Amino acid sequence: MNSTAQLGEKNVIAVDLTPDEALALTGVEFNGNHEVKATAQRKIRSAFEKTFDIQKN
């Protein structure tokens, strides 16, 4: 599946992450909790989709 993002003038995305979520995105692994990275990725994806117009091709 391909998608196209229309980038407007609003080219900044702000996402509130916990310190653990931010570390997980840098590659630090939390062996006891694999959900930390997934939660951070979902937050970023959601913020991206709210900020930019995504069209699936």
PDB file of N, CA and C in Angstrom:
ATOM      1  N   MET A   1       0.835  -1.163   0.000  1.00  0.00           N
ATOM      2  CA  MET A   1       0.000   0.000   0.000  1.00  0.00           C
ATOM      3  C   MET A   1       0.885   1.233   0.000  1.00  0.00           C
ATOM      4  N   ASN A   2       0.597   2.160  -0.865  1.00  0.00           N
ATOM      5  CA  ASN A   2       1.333   3.420  -0.935  1.00  0.00           C
ATOM      6  C   ASN A   2       0.480   4.526  -0.348  1.00  0.00           C
ATOM      7  N   SER A   3       1.135   5.531   0.203  1.00  0.00           N
ATOM      8  CA  SER A   3       0.408   6.690   0.697  1.00  0.00           C
ATOM      9  C   SER A   3       1.192   7.941   0.354  1.00  0.00           C
ATOM     10  N   THR A   4       0.480   9.032   0.221  1.00  0.00           N
ATOM     11  CA  THR A   4       1.082  10.302  -0.115  1.00  0.00           C
ATOM     12  C   THR A   4       0.738  11.299   0.972  1.00  0.00           C
ATOM     13  N   ALA A   5       1.711  12.031   1.436  1.00  0.00           N
ATOM     14  CA  ALA A   5       1.474  13.063   2.456  1.00  0.00           C
ATOM     15  C   ALA A   5       1.581  14.427   1.797  1.00  0.00           C
ATOM     16  N   GLN A   6       0.548  15.218   1.948  1.00  0.00           N
ATOM     17  CA  GLN A   6       0.571  16.586   1.465  1.00  0.00           C
ATOM     18  C   GLN A   6       1.150  17.446   2.585  1.00  0.00           C
ATOM     19  N   LEU A   7       2.354  17.931   2.396  1.00  0.00           N
ATOM     20  CA  LEU A   7       2.997  18.753   3.413  1.00  0.00           C
ATOM     21  C   LEU A   7       2.604  20.200   3.200  1.00  0.00           C
ATOM     22  N   GLY A   8       1.921  20.742   4.161  1.00  0.00           N
ATOM     23  CA  GLY A   8       1.501  22.133   4.085  1.00  0.00           C
ATOM     24  C   GLY A   8       2.530  23.034   4.723  1.00  0.00           C
ATOM     25  N   GLU A   9       2.062  24.173   5.182  1.00  0.00           N
ATOM     26  CA  GLU A   9       2.965  25.117   5.828  1.00  0.00           C
ATOM     27  C   GLU A   9       3.257  24.724   7.264  1.00  0.00           C
ATOM     28  N   LYS A  10       2.456  23.851   7.819  1.00  0.00           N
ATOM     29  CA  LYS A  10       2.635  23.416   9.210  1.00  0.00           C
ATOM     30  C   LYS A  10       3.544  22.190   9.218  1.00  0.00           C
ATOM     31  N   ASN A  11       4.846  22.390   9.244  1.00  0.00           N
ATOM     32  CA  ASN A  11       5.812  21.295   9.135  1.00  0.00           C
ATOM     33  C   ASN A  11       6.434  20.914  10.470  1.00  0.00           C
ATOM     34  N   VAL A  12       5.708  21.108  11.564  1.00  0.00           N
ATOM     35  CA  VAL A  12       6.212  20.758  12.887  1.00  0.00           C
ATOM     36  C   VAL A  12       5.202  19.835  13.548  1.00  0.00           C
ATOM     37  N   ILE A  13       5.709  18.756  14.146  1.00  0.00           N
ATOM     38  CA  ILE A  13       4.860  17.834  14.882  1.00  0.00           C
ATOM     39  C   ILE A  13       5.343  17.829  16.320  1.00  0.00           C
ATOM     40  N   ALA A  14       4.418  18.040  17.254  1.00  0.00           N
ATOM     41  CA  ALA A  14       4.754  17.989  18.670  1.00  0.00           C
ATOM     42  C   ALA A  14       4.079  16.769  19.286  1.00  0.00           C
ATOM     43  N   VAL A  15       4.879  15.963  19.982  1.00  0.00           N
ATOM     44  CA  VAL A  15       4.364  14.748  20.607  1.00  0.00           C
ATOM     45  C   VAL A  15       4.881  14.690  22.039  1.00  0.00           C
ATOM     46  N   ASP A  16       3.982  14.427  22.980  1.00  0.00           N
ATOM     47  CA  ASP A  16       4.391  14.247  24.374  1.00  0.00           C
ATOM     48  C   ASP A  16       4.758  12.790  24.598  1.00  0.00           C
ATOM     49  N   LEU A  17       6.026  12.550  24.917  1.00  0.00           N
ATOM     50  CA  LEU A  17       6.518  11.201  25.191  1.00  0.00           C
ATOM     51  C   LEU A  17       7.051  11.138  26.613  1.00  0.00           C
ATOM     52  N   THR A  18       6.919   9.977  27.224  1.00  0.00           N
ATOM     53  CA  THR A  18       7.562   9.766  28.518  1.00  0.00           C
ATOM     54  C   THR A  18       9.052   9.571  28.255  1.00  0.00           C
ATOM     55  N   PRO A  19       9.889   9.732  29.281  1.00  0.00           N
ATOM     56  CA  PRO A  19      11.323   9.478  29.078  1.00  0.00           C
ATOM     57  C   PRO A  19      11.593   8.056  28.558  1.00  0.00           C
ATOM     58  N   ASP A  20      10.869   7.062  29.060  1.00  0.00           N
ATOM     59  CA  ASP A  20      11.057   5.687  28.582  1.00  0.00           C
ATOM     60  C   ASP A  20      10.683   5.552  27.117  1.00  0.00           C
ATOM     61  N   GLU A  21       9.596   6.208  26.686  1.00  0.00           N
ATOM     62  CA  GLU A  21       9.189   6.148  25.278  1.00  0.00           C
ATOM     63  C   GLU A  21      10.245   6.791  24.382  1.00  0.00           C
ATOM     64  N   ALA A  22      10.786   7.918  24.805  1.00  0.00           N
ATOM     65  CA  ALA A  22      11.825   8.581  24.016  1.00  0.00           C
ATOM     66  C   ALA A  22      13.062   7.701  23.911  1.00  0.00           C
ATOM     67  N   LEU A  23      13.465   7.075  25.006  1.00  0.00           N
ATOM     68  CA  LEU A  23      14.614   6.180  24.968  1.00  0.00           C
ATOM     69  C   LEU A  23      14.354   4.977  24.064  1.00  0.00           C
ATOM     70  N   ALA A  24      13.146   4.440  24.116  1.00  0.00           N
ATOM     71  CA  ALA A  24      12.818   3.282  23.287  1.00  0.00           C
ATOM     72  C   ALA A  24      12.947   3.614  21.801  1.00  0.00           C
ATOM     73  N   LEU A  25      12.621   4.828  21.422  1.00  0.00           N
ATOM     74  CA  LEU A  25      12.739   5.231  20.013  1.00  0.00           C
ATOM     75  C   LEU A  25      14.186   5.409  19.575  1.00  0.00           C
ATOM     76  N   THR A  26      15.101   5.563  20.530  1.00  0.00           N
ATOM     77  CA  THR A  26      16.522   5.674  20.181  1.00  0.00           C
ATOM     78  C   THR A  26      17.189   4.312  20.069  1.00  0.00           C
ATOM     79  N   GLY A  27      16.450   3.252  20.429  1.00  0.00           N
ATOM     80  CA  GLY A  27      17.017   1.917  20.306  1.00  0.00           C
ATOM     81  C   GLY A  27      17.197   1.182  21.617  1.00  0.00           C
ATOM     82  N   VAL A  28      16.977   1.869  22.729  1.00  0.00           N
ATOM     83  CA  VAL A  28      17.071   1.201  24.026  1.00  0.00           C
ATOM     84  C   VAL A  28      15.926   0.202  24.136  1.00  0.00           C
ATOM     85  N   GLU A  29      16.243  -1.017  24.557  1.00  0.00           N
ATOM     86  CA  GLU A  29      15.215  -2.047  24.671  1.00  0.00           C
ATOM     87  C   GLU A  29      14.794  -2.232  26.121  1.00  0.00           C
ATOM     88  N   PHE A  30      13.511  -2.357  26.318  1.00  0.00           N
ATOM     89  CA  PHE A  30      12.941  -2.610  27.631  1.00  0.00           C
ATOM     90  C   PHE A  30      12.465  -4.058  27.629  1.00  0.00           C
ATOM     91  N   ASN A  31      13.316  -4.950  28.115  1.00  0.00           N
ATOM     92  CA  ASN A  31      13.023  -6.379  28.049  1.00  0.00           C
ATOM     93  C   ASN A  31      11.743  -6.755  28.775  1.00  0.00           C
ATOM     94  N   GLY A  32      11.424  -6.071  29.839  1.00  0.00           N
ATOM     95  CA  GLY A  32      10.226  -6.391  30.599  1.00  0.00           C
ATOM     96  C   GLY A  32       8.956  -5.817  30.003  1.00  0.00           C
ATOM     97  N   ASN A  33       9.094  -4.829  29.090  1.00  0.00           N
ATOM     98  CA  ASN A  33       7.910  -4.164  28.553  1.00  0.00           C
ATOM     99  C   ASN A  33       8.152  -3.750  27.105  1.00  0.00           C
ATOM    100  N   HIS A  34       7.707  -4.590  26.192  1.00  0.00           N
ATOM    101  CA  HIS A  34       7.883  -4.299  24.761  1.00  0.00           C
ATOM    102  C   HIS A  34       6.865  -3.285  24.254  1.00  0.00           C
ATOM    103  N   GLU A  35       5.892  -2.961  25.083  1.00  0.00           N
ATOM    104  CA  GLU A  35       4.827  -2.040  24.683  1.00  0.00           C
ATOM    105  C   GLU A  35       5.291  -0.584  24.686  1.00  0.00           C
ATOM    106  N   VAL A  36       6.405  -0.287  25.350  1.00  0.00           N
ATOM    107  CA  VAL A  36       6.883   1.094  25.464  1.00  0.00           C
ATOM    108  C   VAL A  36       7.157   1.677  24.078  1.00  0.00           C
ATOM    109  N   LYS A  37       7.905   0.971  23.259  1.00  0.00           N
ATOM    110  CA  LYS A  37       8.234   1.466  21.921  1.00  0.00           C
ATOM    111  C   LYS A  37       6.992   1.543  21.045  1.00  0.00           C
ATOM    112  N   ALA A  38       6.132   0.543  21.135  1.00  0.00           N
ATOM    113  CA  ALA A  38       4.916   0.527  20.322  1.00  0.00           C
ATOM    114  C   ALA A  38       4.012   1.713  20.666  1.00  0.00           C
ATOM    115  N   THR A  39       3.915   2.034  21.942  1.00  0.00           N
ATOM    116  CA  THR A  39       3.098   3.169  22.369  1.00  0.00           C
ATOM    117  C   THR A  39       3.659   4.474  21.817  1.00  0.00           C
ATOM    118  N   ALA A  40       4.969   4.641  21.876  1.00  0.00           N
ATOM    119  CA  ALA A  40       5.612   5.848  21.349  1.00  0.00           C
ATOM    120  C   ALA A  40       5.380   5.964  19.841  1.00  0.00           C
ATOM    121  N   GLN A  41       5.505   4.859  19.128  1.00  0.00           N
ATOM    122  CA  GLN A  41       5.285   4.884  17.686  1.00  0.00           C
ATOM    123  C   GLN A  41       3.839   5.238  17.345  1.00  0.00           C
ATOM    124  N   ARG A  42       2.890   4.715  18.124  1.00  0.00           N
ATOM    125  CA  ARG A  42       1.480   5.045  17.891  1.00  0.00           C
ATOM    126  C   ARG A  42       1.223   6.534  18.114  1.00  0.00           C
ATOM    127  N   LYS A  43       1.836   7.110  19.143  1.00  0.00           N
ATOM    128  CA  LYS A  43       1.669   8.534  19.415  1.00  0.00           C
ATOM    129  C   LYS A  43       2.195   9.375  18.252  1.00  0.00           C
ATOM    130  N   ILE A  44       3.344   9.004  17.733  1.00  0.00           N
ATOM    131  CA  ILE A  44       3.938   9.755  16.621  1.00  0.00           C
ATOM    132  C   ILE A  44       3.094   9.604  15.364  1.00  0.00           C
ATOM    133  N   ARG A  45       2.651   8.392  15.072  1.00  0.00           N
ATOM    134  CA  ARG A  45       1.820   8.169  13.885  1.00  0.00           C
ATOM    135  C   ARG A  45       0.524   8.967  13.984  1.00  0.00           C
ATOM    136  N   SER A  46      -0.095   8.963  15.151  1.00  0.00           N
ATOM    137  CA  SER A  46      -1.345   9.696  15.345  1.00  0.00           C
ATOM    138  C   SER A  46      -1.133  11.199  15.148  1.00  0.00           C
ATOM    139  N   ALA A  47      -0.065  11.738  15.720  1.00  0.00           N
ATOM    140  CA  ALA A  47       0.229  13.162  15.570  1.00  0.00           C
ATOM    141  C   ALA A  47       0.510  13.505  14.114  1.00  0.00           C
ATOM    142  N   PHE A  48       1.217  12.628  13.411  1.00  0.00           N
ATOM    143  CA  PHE A  48       1.517  12.858  12.000  1.00  0.00           C
ATOM    144  C   PHE A  48       0.243  12.887  11.183  1.00  0.00           C
ATOM    145  N   GLU A  49      -0.648  11.931  11.431  1.00  0.00           N
ATOM    146  CA  GLU A  49      -1.894  11.858  10.672  1.00  0.00           C
ATOM    147  C   GLU A  49      -2.802  13.050  10.952  1.00  0.00           C
ATOM    148  N   LYS A  50      -2.750  13.595  12.159  1.00  0.00           N
ATOM    149  CA  LYS A  50      -3.550  14.773  12.490  1.00  0.00           C
ATOM    150  C   LYS A  50      -2.968  16.041  11.876  1.00  0.00           C
ATOM    151  N   THR A  51      -1.651  16.063  11.669  1.00  0.00           N
ATOM    152  CA  THR A  51      -0.973  17.253  11.171  1.00  0.00           C
ATOM    153  C   THR A  51      -0.980  17.353   9.654  1.00  0.00           C
ATOM    154  N   PHE A  52      -0.806  16.214   8.976  1.00  0.00           N
ATOM    155  CA  PHE A  52      -0.697  16.215   7.522  1.00  0.00           C
ATOM    156  C   PHE A  52      -1.858  15.465   6.893  1.00  0.00           C
ATOM    157  N   ASP A  53      -2.194  15.845   5.688  1.00  0.00           N
ATOM    158  CA  ASP A  53      -3.260  15.199   4.938  1.00  0.00           C
ATOM    159  C   ASP A  53      -2.691  13.952   4.269  1.00  0.00           C
ATOM    160  N   ILE A  54      -3.074  12.780   4.749  1.00  0.00           N
ATOM    161  CA  ILE A  54      -2.567  11.507   4.229  1.00  0.00           C
ATOM    162  C   ILE A  54      -3.592  10.934   3.254  1.00  0.00           C
ATOM    163  N   GLN A  55      -3.130  10.601   2.049  1.00  0.00           N
ATOM    164  CA  GLN A  55      -4.006   9.993   1.047  1.00  0.00           C
ATOM    165  C   GLN A  55      -3.413   8.645   0.661  1.00  0.00           C
ATOM    166  N   LYS A  56      -4.205   7.579   0.789  1.00  0.00           N
ATOM    167  CA  LYS A  56      -3.747   6.258   0.396  1.00  0.00           C
ATOM    168  C   LYS A  56      -3.986   6.055  -1.077  1.00  0.00           C
ATOM    169  N   ASN A  57      -2.978   5.522  -1.768  1.00  0.00           N
ATOM    170  CA  ASN A  57      -3.066   5.272  -3.218  1.00  0.00           C
ATOM    171  C   ASN A  57      -3.329   3.816  -3.475  1.00  0.00           C
TER     172      ASN A  57
END
